[in-house]
Amino acid sequence: MATRLLANLLVYSSAAIVRACGQAYRQALTNASKSGVAHEAMQNVKSGSRRMISEPEARQILGVTEKSSWDEVLQKYDTLFERNAKNGSFYVQSKVHRAKECLEAAYQKKPEGITTST
């Protein structure tokens, strides 16, 4: 008898939890559609676009100046990327990577291009 009661309690409580999760998910979808988050996310997926950062912002993230050489940029990038890979955040690591991509494009546009000293 006690086993049967315990089994019924387990079945009914798990059903209630499943219903509550379903309602929470539906409410989250409703909230996302009201705020436009879902639409913006779908637009980003469709276009495959990434938010590009500006060159001054990229220099600030990496801590380099306009007069810094490409070697200095790479050294700062490697240091910050590895430091955040070990005990930092993925968000900061991705910002560092985007900053390097932005500066790479900027250095390629310069007349001297990307130069590395050997």
C-alpha atoms as a PDB file:
ATOM      1  CA  MET A   1       0.000   0.000   0.000  1.00  0.00           C
ATOM      2  CA  ALA A   2       2.780   2.447   0.920  1.00  0.00           C
ATOM      3  CA  THR A   3       4.622   1.531  -2.267  1.00  0.00           C
ATOM      4  CA  ARG A   4       1.556   2.304  -4.345  1.00  0.00           C
ATOM      5  CA  LEU A   5       1.116   5.681  -2.652  1.00  0.00           C
ATOM      6  CA  LEU A   6       4.767   6.511  -3.215  1.00  0.00           C
ATOM      7  CA  ALA A   7       4.518   5.531  -6.888  1.00  0.00           C
ATOM      8  CA  ASN A   8       1.390   7.668  -7.374  1.00  0.00           C
ATOM      9  CA  LEU A   9       3.060  10.611  -5.653  1.00  0.00           C
ATOM     10  CA  LEU A  10       6.091  10.251  -7.923  1.00  0.00           C
ATOM     11  CA  VAL A  11       3.974  10.054 -11.102  1.00  0.00           C
ATOM     12  CA  TYR A  12       1.774  13.035 -10.222  1.00  0.00           C
ATOM     13  CA  SER A  13       4.652  15.221  -9.090  1.00  0.00           C
ATOM     14  CA  SER A  14       6.685  14.502 -12.223  1.00  0.00           C
ATOM     15  CA  ALA A  15       3.637  15.312 -14.381  1.00  0.00           C
ATOM     16  CA  ALA A  16       3.227  18.616 -12.547  1.00  0.00           C
ATOM     17  CA  ILE A  17       6.889  19.456 -13.112  1.00  0.00           C
ATOM     18  CA  VAL A  18       6.616  18.685 -16.834  1.00  0.00           C
ATOM     19  CA  ARG A  19       3.508  20.911 -17.130  1.00  0.00           C
ATOM     20  CA  ALA A  20       5.246  23.742 -15.261  1.00  0.00           C
ATOM     21  CA  CYS A  21       8.304  23.525 -17.533  1.00  0.00           C
ATOM     22  CA  GLY A  22       6.062  23.617 -20.604  1.00  0.00           C
ATOM     23  CA  GLN A  23       4.245  26.685 -19.330  1.00  0.00           C
ATOM     24  CA  ALA A  24       7.522  28.422 -18.492  1.00  0.00           C
ATOM     25  CA  TYR A  25       8.855  27.712 -21.980  1.00  0.00           C
ATOM     26  CA  ARG A  26       5.703  29.073 -23.630  1.00  0.00           C
ATOM     27  CA  GLN A  27       5.881  32.190 -21.447  1.00  0.00           C
ATOM     28  CA  ALA A  28       9.537  32.711 -22.365  1.00  0.00           C
ATOM     29  CA  LEU A  29       8.650  32.507 -26.064  1.00  0.00           C
ATOM     30  CA  THR A  30       5.845  35.004 -25.564  1.00  0.00           C
ATOM     31  CA  ASN A  31       8.122  37.418 -23.727  1.00  0.00           C
ATOM     32  CA  ALA A  32      10.827  37.086 -26.378  1.00  0.00           C
ATOM     33  CA  SER A  33       8.396  37.788 -29.199  1.00  0.00           C
ATOM     34  CA  LYS A  34       7.033  40.860 -27.388  1.00  0.00           C
ATOM     35  CA  SER A  35      10.475  42.351 -26.873  1.00  0.00           C
ATOM     36  CA  GLY A  36      11.699  41.557 -30.392  1.00  0.00           C
ATOM     37  CA  VAL A  37      14.571  39.395 -29.191  1.00  0.00           C
ATOM     38  CA  ALA A  38      13.395  36.378 -31.157  1.00  0.00           C
ATOM     39  CA  HIS A  39      13.031  38.398 -34.347  1.00  0.00           C
ATOM     40  CA  GLU A  40      16.494  39.934 -33.952  1.00  0.00           C
ATOM     41  CA  ALA A  41      18.034  36.533 -33.289  1.00  0.00           C
ATOM     42  CA  MET A  42      16.406  35.080 -36.391  1.00  0.00           C
ATOM     43  CA  GLN A  43      17.618  38.017 -38.500  1.00  0.00           C
ATOM     44  CA  ASN A  44      21.171  37.422 -37.281  1.00  0.00           C
ATOM     45  CA  VAL A  45      20.924  33.725 -38.094  1.00  0.00           C
ATOM     46  CA  LYS A  46      19.490  34.377 -41.560  1.00  0.00           C
ATOM     47  CA  SER A  47      22.006  37.023 -42.544  1.00  0.00           C
ATOM     48  CA  GLY A  48      24.930  35.343 -40.849  1.00  0.00           C
ATOM     49  CA  SER A  49      26.073  38.748 -39.751  1.00  0.00           C
ATOM     50  CA  ARG A  50      28.272  39.514 -36.805  1.00  0.00           C
ATOM     51  CA  ARG A  51      28.461  42.853 -35.142  1.00  0.00           C
ATOM     52  CA  MET A  52      31.733  44.403 -36.200  1.00  0.00           C
ATOM     53  CA  ILE A  53      33.524  46.566 -33.701  1.00  0.00           C
ATOM     54  CA  SER A  54      35.191  49.839 -34.533  1.00  0.00           C
ATOM     55  CA  GLU A  55      38.941  50.186 -34.814  1.00  0.00           C
ATOM     56  CA  PRO A  56      39.279  52.474 -31.751  1.00  0.00           C
ATOM     57  CA  GLU A  57      37.241  49.995 -29.705  1.00  0.00           C
ATOM     58  CA  ALA A  58      39.426  47.124 -30.935  1.00  0.00           C
ATOM     59  CA  ARG A  59      42.571  49.034 -29.985  1.00  0.00           C
ATOM     60  CA  GLN A  60      41.122  49.743 -26.545  1.00  0.00           C
ATOM     61  CA  ILE A  61      40.231  46.079 -25.997  1.00  0.00           C
ATOM     62  CA  LEU A  62      43.735  44.918 -26.887  1.00  0.00           C
ATOM     63  CA  GLY A  63      45.457  47.866 -25.241  1.00  0.00           C
ATOM     64  CA  VAL A  64      47.434  48.991 -28.291  1.00  0.00           C
ATOM     65  CA  THR A  65      47.869  52.371 -29.962  1.00  0.00           C
ATOM     66  CA  GLU A  66      47.706  53.414 -33.591  1.00  0.00           C
ATOM     67  CA  LYS A  67      51.496  53.335 -33.723  1.00  0.00           C
ATOM     68  CA  SER A  68      51.727  49.757 -32.477  1.00  0.00           C
ATOM     69  CA  SER A  69      53.191  47.238 -34.869  1.00  0.00           C
ATOM     70  CA  TRP A  70      51.336  44.126 -35.945  1.00  0.00           C
ATOM     71  CA  ASP A  71      53.711  42.057 -33.807  1.00  0.00           C
ATOM     72  CA  GLU A  72      52.642  44.002 -30.720  1.00  0.00           C
ATOM     73  CA  VAL A  73      48.987  43.474 -31.607  1.00  0.00           C
ATOM     74  CA  LEU A  74      49.545  39.732 -31.987  1.00  0.00           C
ATOM     75  CA  GLN A  75      51.459  39.559 -28.723  1.00  0.00           C
ATOM     76  CA  LYS A  76      48.663  41.354 -26.836  1.00  0.00           C
ATOM     77  CA  TYR A  77      46.070  39.159 -28.548  1.00  0.00           C
ATOM     78  CA  ASP A  78      47.879  35.936 -27.626  1.00  0.00           C
ATOM     79  CA  THR A  79      48.313  37.044 -24.012  1.00  0.00           C
ATOM     80  CA  LEU A  80      44.697  38.120 -23.519  1.00  0.00           C
ATOM     81  CA  PHE A  81      43.215  35.186 -25.436  1.00  0.00           C
ATOM     82  CA  GLU A  82      45.179  32.588 -23.468  1.00  0.00           C
ATOM     83  CA  ARG A  83      44.530  34.310 -20.145  1.00  0.00           C
ATOM     84  CA  ASN A  84      40.777  34.252 -20.782  1.00  0.00           C
ATOM     85  CA  ALA A  85      40.878  30.696 -22.103  1.00  0.00           C
ATOM     86  CA  LYS A  86      42.279  29.456 -18.807  1.00  0.00           C
ATOM     87  CA  ASN A  87      40.275  31.335 -16.206  1.00  0.00           C
ATOM     88  CA  GLY A  88      38.315  34.099 -17.898  1.00  0.00           C
ATOM     89  CA  SER A  89      35.026  34.355 -19.660  1.00  0.00           C
ATOM     90  CA  PHE A  90      34.067  33.220 -23.140  1.00  0.00           C
ATOM     91  CA  TYR A  91      32.497  36.642 -23.759  1.00  0.00           C
ATOM     92  CA  VAL A  92      35.750  38.505 -23.109  1.00  0.00           C
ATOM     93  CA  GLN A  93      37.662  35.940 -25.144  1.00  0.00           C
ATOM     94  CA  SER A  94      35.336  36.481 -28.102  1.00  0.00           C
ATOM     95  CA  LYS A  95      35.692  40.276 -27.787  1.00  0.00           C
ATOM     96  CA  VAL A  96      39.476  39.877 -27.910  1.00  0.00           C
ATOM     97  CA  HIS A  97      39.176  37.706 -31.015  1.00  0.00           C
ATOM     98  CA  ARG A  98      36.833  40.194 -32.739  1.00  0.00           C
ATOM     99  CA  ALA A  99      39.247  43.015 -31.881  1.00  0.00           C
ATOM    100  CA  LYS A 100      42.103  41.116 -33.527  1.00  0.00           C
ATOM    101  CA  GLU A 101      39.969  40.477 -36.633  1.00  0.00           C
ATOM    102  CA  CYS A 102      39.103  44.169 -36.869  1.00  0.00           C
ATOM    103  CA  LEU A 103      42.715  45.282 -36.518  1.00  0.00           C
ATOM    104  CA  GLU A 104      43.866  42.622 -38.965  1.00  0.00           C
ATOM    105  CA  ALA A 105      41.562  44.133 -41.586  1.00  0.00           C
ATOM    106  CA  ALA A 106      42.814  47.616 -40.712  1.00  0.00           C
ATOM    107  CA  TYR A 107      46.476  46.608 -40.978  1.00  0.00           C
ATOM    108  CA  GLN A 108      45.869  44.909 -44.328  1.00  0.00           C
ATOM    109  CA  LYS A 109      44.418  48.153 -45.704  1.00  0.00           C
ATOM    110  CA  LYS A 110      47.514  50.126 -44.716  1.00  0.00           C
ATOM    111  CA  PRO A 111      50.164  50.603 -47.431  1.00  0.00           C
ATOM    112  CA  GLU A 112      52.787  48.692 -45.480  1.00  0.00           C
ATOM    113  CA  GLY A 113      50.350  45.846 -44.759  1.00  0.00           C
ATOM    114  CA  ILE A 114      50.839  43.306 -42.023  1.00  0.00           C
ATOM    115  CA  THR A 115      54.477  42.845 -41.341  1.00  0.00           C
ATOM    116  CA  THR A 116      56.052  40.497 -38.886  1.00  0.00           C
ATOM    117  CA  SER A 117      59.635  40.703 -37.844  1.00  0.00           C
ATOM    118  CA  THR A 118      61.639  37.509 -37.905  1.00  0.00           C
END
